[in-house]
Amino acid sequence: RLGLLLKRQDRRDEAVPFWQQMAATSFDTVEAHVELAKYYEWHQVDLDTAVQWTEQAMTLAQSWGTHRFGIVRGELEHRLARLRRKQQGLGG
C-alpha cells in the first residue's frame, strides 16, 4: 500500500511504479488500475492511457463473475464514458 501512502503525500509520480506492479500481479482488485487511470487522466492529461487502464480494469473485473463484477461495473463504466467524452472534446 505504499502507492496509496505516496498518493496521500501528493507524490503520485513516485506511486506509479507501485500501482503498475500491483496491477500486474493482483488479480482480485482493480484498485491499482483505477488509480493509474486517475493519474493519467488528471495529472498527465493522457486520456488514451487513462482509457487503457480503465479498459484493463473492466476486463479484469469481468473475469470475476457476474456478482463481483456488478459491484465495480457502474464506477468503471462511468469513468470510461467520461474519458471517451473528453477524448471527443465534449468535456467531462
C-alpha atoms as a PDB file:
ATOM      1  CA  ARG A   1       0.000   0.000   0.000  1.00  0.00           C
ATOM      2  CA  LEU A   2       2.974   2.267  -0.456  1.00  0.00           C
ATOM      3  CA  GLY A   3       1.286   3.668  -3.553  1.00  0.00           C
ATOM      4  CA  LEU A   4      -1.650   4.946  -1.512  1.00  0.00           C
ATOM      5  CA  LEU A   5       0.660   6.460   1.088  1.00  0.00           C
ATOM      6  CA  LEU A   6       2.570   8.286  -1.637  1.00  0.00           C
ATOM      7  CA  LYS A   7      -0.717   9.467  -3.149  1.00  0.00           C
ATOM      8  CA  ARG A   8      -1.797  10.909   0.205  1.00  0.00           C
ATOM      9  CA  GLN A   9       1.527  12.743   0.361  1.00  0.00           C
ATOM     10  CA  ASP A  10       0.851  14.154  -3.130  1.00  0.00           C
ATOM     11  CA  ARG A  11       3.778  12.148  -4.528  1.00  0.00           C
ATOM     12  CA  ARG A  12       1.816  10.444  -7.292  1.00  0.00           C
ATOM     13  CA  ASP A  13       4.730  10.276  -9.728  1.00  0.00           C
ATOM     14  CA  GLU A  14       6.563   8.107  -7.209  1.00  0.00           C
ATOM     15  CA  ALA A  15       3.454   5.960  -6.673  1.00  0.00           C
ATOM     16  CA  VAL A  16       3.095   4.992 -10.345  1.00  0.00           C
ATOM     17  CA  PRO A  17       5.623   2.102 -10.319  1.00  0.00           C
ATOM     18  CA  PHE A  18       3.929   0.608  -7.256  1.00  0.00           C
ATOM     19  CA  TRP A  19       0.490   0.839  -8.870  1.00  0.00           C
ATOM     20  CA  GLN A  20       1.874  -0.690 -12.073  1.00  0.00           C
ATOM     21  CA  GLN A  21       3.365  -3.590 -10.139  1.00  0.00           C
ATOM     22  CA  MET A  22       0.130  -4.106  -8.228  1.00  0.00           C
ATOM     23  CA  ALA A  23      -1.883  -4.024 -11.462  1.00  0.00           C
ATOM     24  CA  ALA A  24       0.416  -6.650 -12.983  1.00  0.00           C
ATOM     25  CA  THR A  25       0.335  -9.014 -10.010  1.00  0.00           C
ATOM     26  CA  SER A  26      -3.029  -8.595  -8.236  1.00  0.00           C
ATOM     27  CA  PHE A  27      -5.968 -10.210  -9.939  1.00  0.00           C
ATOM     28  CA  ASP A  28      -8.553  -9.768  -7.189  1.00  0.00           C
ATOM     29  CA  THR A  29      -8.737  -5.962  -7.212  1.00  0.00           C
ATOM     30  CA  VAL A  30      -8.895  -3.158  -9.752  1.00  0.00           C
ATOM     31  CA  GLU A  31      -7.692  -0.542  -7.264  1.00  0.00           C
ATOM     32  CA  ALA A  32      -4.313  -0.023  -8.934  1.00  0.00           C
ATOM     33  CA  HIS A  33      -5.872   0.160 -12.401  1.00  0.00           C
ATOM     34  CA  VAL A  34      -8.276   2.853 -11.220  1.00  0.00           C
ATOM     35  CA  GLU A  35      -5.505   4.836  -9.524  1.00  0.00           C
ATOM     36  CA  LEU A  36      -3.445   4.692 -12.713  1.00  0.00           C
ATOM     37  CA  ALA A  37      -6.438   5.769 -14.799  1.00  0.00           C
ATOM     38  CA  LYS A  38      -6.997   8.739 -12.473  1.00  0.00           C
ATOM     39  CA  TYR A  39      -3.314   9.618 -12.543  1.00  0.00           C
ATOM     40  CA  TYR A  40      -3.147   9.630 -16.336  1.00  0.00           C
ATOM     41  CA  GLU A  41      -6.452  11.466 -16.695  1.00  0.00           C
ATOM     42  CA  TRP A  42      -5.886  14.233 -14.164  1.00  0.00           C
ATOM     43  CA  HIS A  43      -2.135  14.576 -13.676  1.00  0.00           C
ATOM     44  CA  GLN A  44      -0.623  13.596 -17.023  1.00  0.00           C
ATOM     45  CA  VAL A  45      -3.638  14.561 -19.147  1.00  0.00           C
ATOM     46  CA  ASP A  46      -3.054  11.422 -21.195  1.00  0.00           C
ATOM     47  CA  LEU A  47      -6.585  10.293 -21.936  1.00  0.00           C
ATOM     48  CA  ASP A  48      -5.566   7.380 -24.163  1.00  0.00           C
ATOM     49  CA  THR A  49      -3.549   5.803 -21.362  1.00  0.00           C
ATOM     50  CA  ALA A  50      -6.329   6.518 -18.859  1.00  0.00           C
ATOM     51  CA  VAL A  51      -8.772   4.697 -21.154  1.00  0.00           C
ATOM     52  CA  GLN A  52      -6.374   1.750 -21.481  1.00  0.00           C
ATOM     53  CA  TRP A  53      -6.101   1.364 -17.697  1.00  0.00           C
ATOM     54  CA  THR A  54      -9.870   1.631 -17.303  1.00  0.00           C
ATOM     55  CA  GLU A  55     -10.448  -0.972 -20.023  1.00  0.00           C
ATOM     56  CA  GLN A  56      -7.941  -3.301 -18.352  1.00  0.00           C
ATOM     57  CA  ALA A  57      -9.839  -2.849 -15.086  1.00  0.00           C
ATOM     58  CA  MET A  58     -13.108  -3.745 -16.862  1.00  0.00           C
ATOM     59  CA  THR A  59     -11.562  -6.867 -18.390  1.00  0.00           C
ATOM     60  CA  LEU A  60     -10.159  -7.991 -15.059  1.00  0.00           C
ATOM     61  CA  ALA A  61     -13.409  -7.330 -13.210  1.00  0.00           C
ATOM     62  CA  GLN A  62     -15.415  -9.229 -15.844  1.00  0.00           C
ATOM     63  CA  SER A  63     -13.285 -12.298 -15.132  1.00  0.00           C
ATOM     64  CA  TRP A  64     -14.551 -12.328 -11.538  1.00  0.00           C
ATOM     65  CA  GLY A  65     -18.087 -13.345 -12.439  1.00  0.00           C
ATOM     66  CA  THR A  66     -21.398 -11.530 -12.571  1.00  0.00           C
ATOM     67  CA  HIS A  67     -21.950 -10.633  -8.913  1.00  0.00           C
ATOM     68  CA  ARG A  68     -18.489  -9.327  -8.146  1.00  0.00           C
ATOM     69  CA  PHE A  69     -18.207  -7.553 -11.482  1.00  0.00           C
ATOM     70  CA  GLY A  70     -21.534  -5.864 -10.795  1.00  0.00           C
ATOM     71  CA  ILE A  71     -20.084  -4.208  -7.711  1.00  0.00           C
ATOM     72  CA  VAL A  72     -17.483  -2.203  -9.677  1.00  0.00           C
ATOM     73  CA  ARG A  73     -19.128  -2.147 -13.092  1.00  0.00           C
ATOM     74  CA  GLY A  74     -21.018   1.133 -12.658  1.00  0.00           C
ATOM     75  CA  GLU A  75     -17.955   3.049 -11.497  1.00  0.00           C
ATOM     76  CA  LEU A  76     -15.800   1.707 -14.313  1.00  0.00           C
ATOM     77  CA  GLU A  77     -18.433   2.322 -16.994  1.00  0.00           C
ATOM     78  CA  HIS A  78     -18.945   5.874 -15.720  1.00  0.00           C
ATOM     79  CA  ARG A  79     -15.197   6.540 -15.802  1.00  0.00           C
ATOM     80  CA  LEU A  80     -14.845   5.070 -19.292  1.00  0.00           C
ATOM     81  CA  ALA A  81     -17.785   7.083 -20.661  1.00  0.00           C
ATOM     82  CA  ARG A  82     -16.383  10.308 -19.195  1.00  0.00           C
ATOM     83  CA  LEU A  83     -12.940   9.609 -20.647  1.00  0.00           C
ATOM     84  CA  ARG A  84     -14.399   8.936 -24.082  1.00  0.00           C
ATOM     85  CA  ARG A  85     -16.406  12.173 -23.954  1.00  0.00           C
ATOM     86  CA  LYS A  86     -13.231  14.033 -23.054  1.00  0.00           C
ATOM     87  CA  GLN A  87     -11.392  12.378 -25.938  1.00  0.00           C
ATOM     88  CA  GLN A  88     -14.103  13.625 -28.285  1.00  0.00           C
ATOM     89  CA  GLY A  89     -13.800  17.124 -26.843  1.00  0.00           C
ATOM     90  CA  LEU A  90     -17.214  17.083 -25.216  1.00  0.00           C
ATOM     91  CA  GLY A  91     -15.971  17.633 -21.677  1.00  0.00           C
ATOM     92  CA  GLY A  92     -16.447  15.568 -18.544  1.00  0.00           C
END
